[in-house]
Structure formats: structure tokens, C-alpha cells
């Protein structure tokens, strides 16, 4: 049998294989039994007896634990089912999420009322006055002058849906081709005449598509978060999101100059590790921070030009439960600059708190609402952040124990106690691969990365045994979750051929499904990825592309015709020599023969 046919049969077997619903209960019982601690016993009983409401609300307090082992096991047991979608709950998760969303909208309204007459507010006294002024100056120094040139060259499309384009069609190609949604506030700032100056070919494409399609604002929807509640996000008009992403990128570049790199989480994770060792650095988390950014607070803190530009790009109104609402918050999750804006505010506040106490701000960091700062600044940070209308999440903020949590890193006295989560039913082969590998990696961490904790081996073996022998792929750690991870020798890789030094092993990979596209939107999306060169306000990427493609300064109609012809002839993609566009969120399995690294092993079960 040819390797192609064998691979096809293997993938067909993976796609069709399913396990019974009872298997989840077996896995949960085996995992909690392996942890063998009082909290694991409690979780097992609640799960078995159907007390899922109690289980979803189970809390963990590291102050109650003195030893690393006790804390690690109790934490692992508490978190294992905290995001499991198979729990049977009495509360509607959407209702819980929307109720919390409206609660924080009311809080923003209270904050806006206070800030309209701030000098008469009873909270504006003492050190709050100094800190508030210091935060304003800090943010002004970080942002500096606003650059119109940068504003038009930094945008990009987000990966998600817009008010007009659904998630399944949310590709840059579709958005360049069909996106026309914009609010009237933003259109007053960037009308079609200005877009024609800056993005001439795209503006012509927009005019053919019926631009502008005026949108009232964003649309509130819910997405999964954890076992106890969903998450509320707001879907923005597409053109608004394009420029929101530009502002977010501009803020991110300026934070980078201060040592805050929002592309990576490693700084926060390192500081969390140091804080768990020394207790000198606190990790802070805020409740619904993105829904608590009140309009008046942003207007008070940001330089006027920055504020007015961001105010024009945001959605002033939104659709919630079928009715139109005027937002008291400045922006929410789903807005293209919310993450960078909250990072900027929280970093500036934390740094000013350290300066007020004459402490170095070298240990201050912010990644969204994950903030780290010297532990002695905890109380003053809480005071000023509540003054701005935010709520500190005491359950996830740590300063008085050896436990720290930030950006997916979890430490107790310097020991990695990161838990694993069972999120979905373990019913398919890829799902079994993922959970088994999560268990194996956790076993590796539990042994200080020297071998794997043998107490978790029964869980790993149970998962392996459920997969037919013909579908068991053994792969080294470096290949992700395309099989069961084992040590290099156990994976029995074969020598690479045709002069390539190394080894190969079979593994399953996810490949995006794609379609062929020959529209002008494909060309515009491809040109936007071209490397940037120093450019003036009127010399943008698309104008560079006109020169690169040999387009003269002909009228837009003639240039548009040329671009359409080029879009149908150029081959940027890999789908059988055609222009390939991946379909968002739609994947297929493929069997690969991948090169592997020889040096990395998890070690034996000990």
C-alpha cells in the first residue's frame, strides 16, 4: 500500500473514531485520584454527585497552604474542571455574563458623574491629588505627539468578525473587498475624499461597494470563558476597527520605549516568578477591567488630541439585548485599542505609585489588566485604581503569600504550579492527544523538569489505551499535540533522507481550509503586507505598490482596471498554483512527516 493511501486511511480513522460520554468521568476520577489530596476528593465528590453549581464556584486561597506540594495539588484539583463545558448548571451563562456587563456599565456611569465635578468629589484628597496629576503627566510623556503619518500607515484588520462581516468570512481579503461599515463620528474624521488621498485604490474599491454603510455602533455578544460564566465582547464596525488597530499599534510602540513589550508575556511571567520567591513583587488582577474604562477617566488622563481621535474611532452606541444603548464606558473588549489603552493606564498608575513611595519602578509591568508592582505599593495602587472606577480582584491578586499568577504563569515559592484544564469532552483522537500531552507536561513540571511524576502515569496510560493501536502516534515534545509525546528514543524516529541531517517522525497537523480568490481584495491584502519604508503622509503602502507594479499616475478608473487584471494573474498563494485564502476557524487534519530535534526529552516516569 502506498504511503499516500496509508495516510488517508489513518486520517479517516482519526476523524471517525469517537469514545463514549462515560469516558470523561473515568478520566476525571483517575486524575483527581492521582492528585490524592483533600481538595481533589472534594472536587471528585461534587462532580460525581452532580453538584456542579458548587463545583463551578469553588475558590482557591493560597494563604491556606504552607508547603509547595499541598498548594500545587489543591490548585491543580480546583482548576482542572473550572472551564469544563460539560458541567450541568442552573444559571444561564449568558445571563450571568450580561448581568455583570451591565453592573460595570452602571459603575462607569457613577464614575462619569464623579469626574464631571472632580474638585468636589470627596475622594479627591490627600495623596490621590498628587498621584492623579502624576499619572496625567506620565501618560503624556509616554504618548508624546500624535503622528497623523503613523495613524494611516499602522492599521491592520483584526482576525474577528465585524458588524457586517461574519466570523467565517473574516479574512483581510474579504474585508478589503466588501467591508464598508463605519460610524458617523469616524466618517466625519476620515471621509471618502481623505481615504482617496491616502489609500487611492482601496477608496475606489470602497466607492464601488456602497461605502459608507453607516453603523449605529457595536453589537454586544457573548463567547465562552469558563464553567461559571461567559465573556461579553462587542463586535465593532469594520472601518472603525481598522483605525482602532492603528491606535493600538501606536500605543504599543510607545510602551515598548518604556520597556513594556505587549507582543510577549515573558516580562510579566519572570516578575511573577521573582515575586513568588522574594514576596517583594505583587501580582494584580482587576475585575472586568475592559468594561470599567469610564469615558470621563480617559478624557481626564489622555492628551486632548489623542483623546479626540480615539473618541472618533470608538463606538459611542451599541446594541444590547435588541435595544440601542449609549455607552458610559469608553471602550470594551472587541475594540482594537482597548488592550493597549488599559495597559497604558495601569502601567502609568503603577509606576506613579512606586515613584510616590520613592521606590524604583523597574519591577513595574502591565499586560492588559495583569499588573505587577512592588508589594509595598499594593494598598496605594488599590486606592488610586478604585478612584478611577476600577475594581481590584482580590481573589486573583497576590501579595501576602508565596503564590503569584500572571499571564499564564503560576508559581508558589518559585516552583512552577501551573495547572491543566479539561475544557471540552474527551471524545475524539485529537482531544485525547491534547489532554494526554497536557498531563505528561504537568508531570514533567511536578518533578522540577527532571523526569515525570509517576503518580500521573495512570492517567496518561488510560488516555493512551483508549486510542486504537493503529492510531497511536509517538512524537517528541517539540511537535506539539500531533500525537502522544514521549522521549526521543521512544518515538523511534527514522533517519531523514536525501542529504538532510536529522530525523523524521509522523504526526498530525491542522491545516486551514482555503478557497481561491481572484478579486481586487486579494491584491490589496497582499500589497498591504509589503515591508514598510519611510513614507510621508501621502506616500502609503498602496502608493508604493503602484510604483512596484509599474502603474503610472493614471486616473483611478484606469488604475483600478489594471489592478483587477493583476489580481487575476498574480500567484501569491499555494493552493495548486492559485491565489489561496484560508477560511477562518475551518481546519482539516493532515498527516505530516516532520523533522524533529534530538536533544529535548521529558525523561522517565519517576
Foldseek 3Di string as FASTA:
>chain_A
DDPVVVQVVLQVCQVPFWDDLCVVLVLLVLQLVLLPDPLSVVLNVCVVVLVLVCLLPDADDQVVDDDPSRNLSNVQSSFAANAAPPRDDPDDQAVVQVVVLVVLLVLLVVLLVCLVPVVPDPLCDDCLVVLLVQLLVLLCVLLPDDDLLLLLFQFDFDQAAAPVGHNQQRDLLCCLQAAQEDAPLLCVVQPLVNCCLAPVLSSVSNVVNPHHPHDLFWEWDWADDGNRHTHIATHTRGVLQRSLLSLQVSLQVSVVVVVAHLVDFVLLQVLLLVCLQPLFKKKWAFDQVQSNAFLSLCCSRYDPVSSSNLQSSHNQWYADPRDIDGGRHSHHHNRNRSQSVQQSSLQSSQCSLCVVVPHHAPSWGGGRRTIMHTLVSVVVSQSNVVSSSIGIDPSQIDRPASWHDGDQFIDHNSQTSRHHYDNYRCIGPLSLLQVLQRLQVNQCSVVVLAAGALSSVVSNVSSQVVDPPSNAQEDDPVPHRQHHHAAPVVNVFDADDDPDGFTWGKGKDKDFDKDFDLALSLVVVVQSPDDDDDDDSSCHSNNVVCVVVVHDPDDSVVVNVVSSVCSNPDQPDDDVSGNIDGGRPHIRMGMDTDGDDNPDGSYHHD
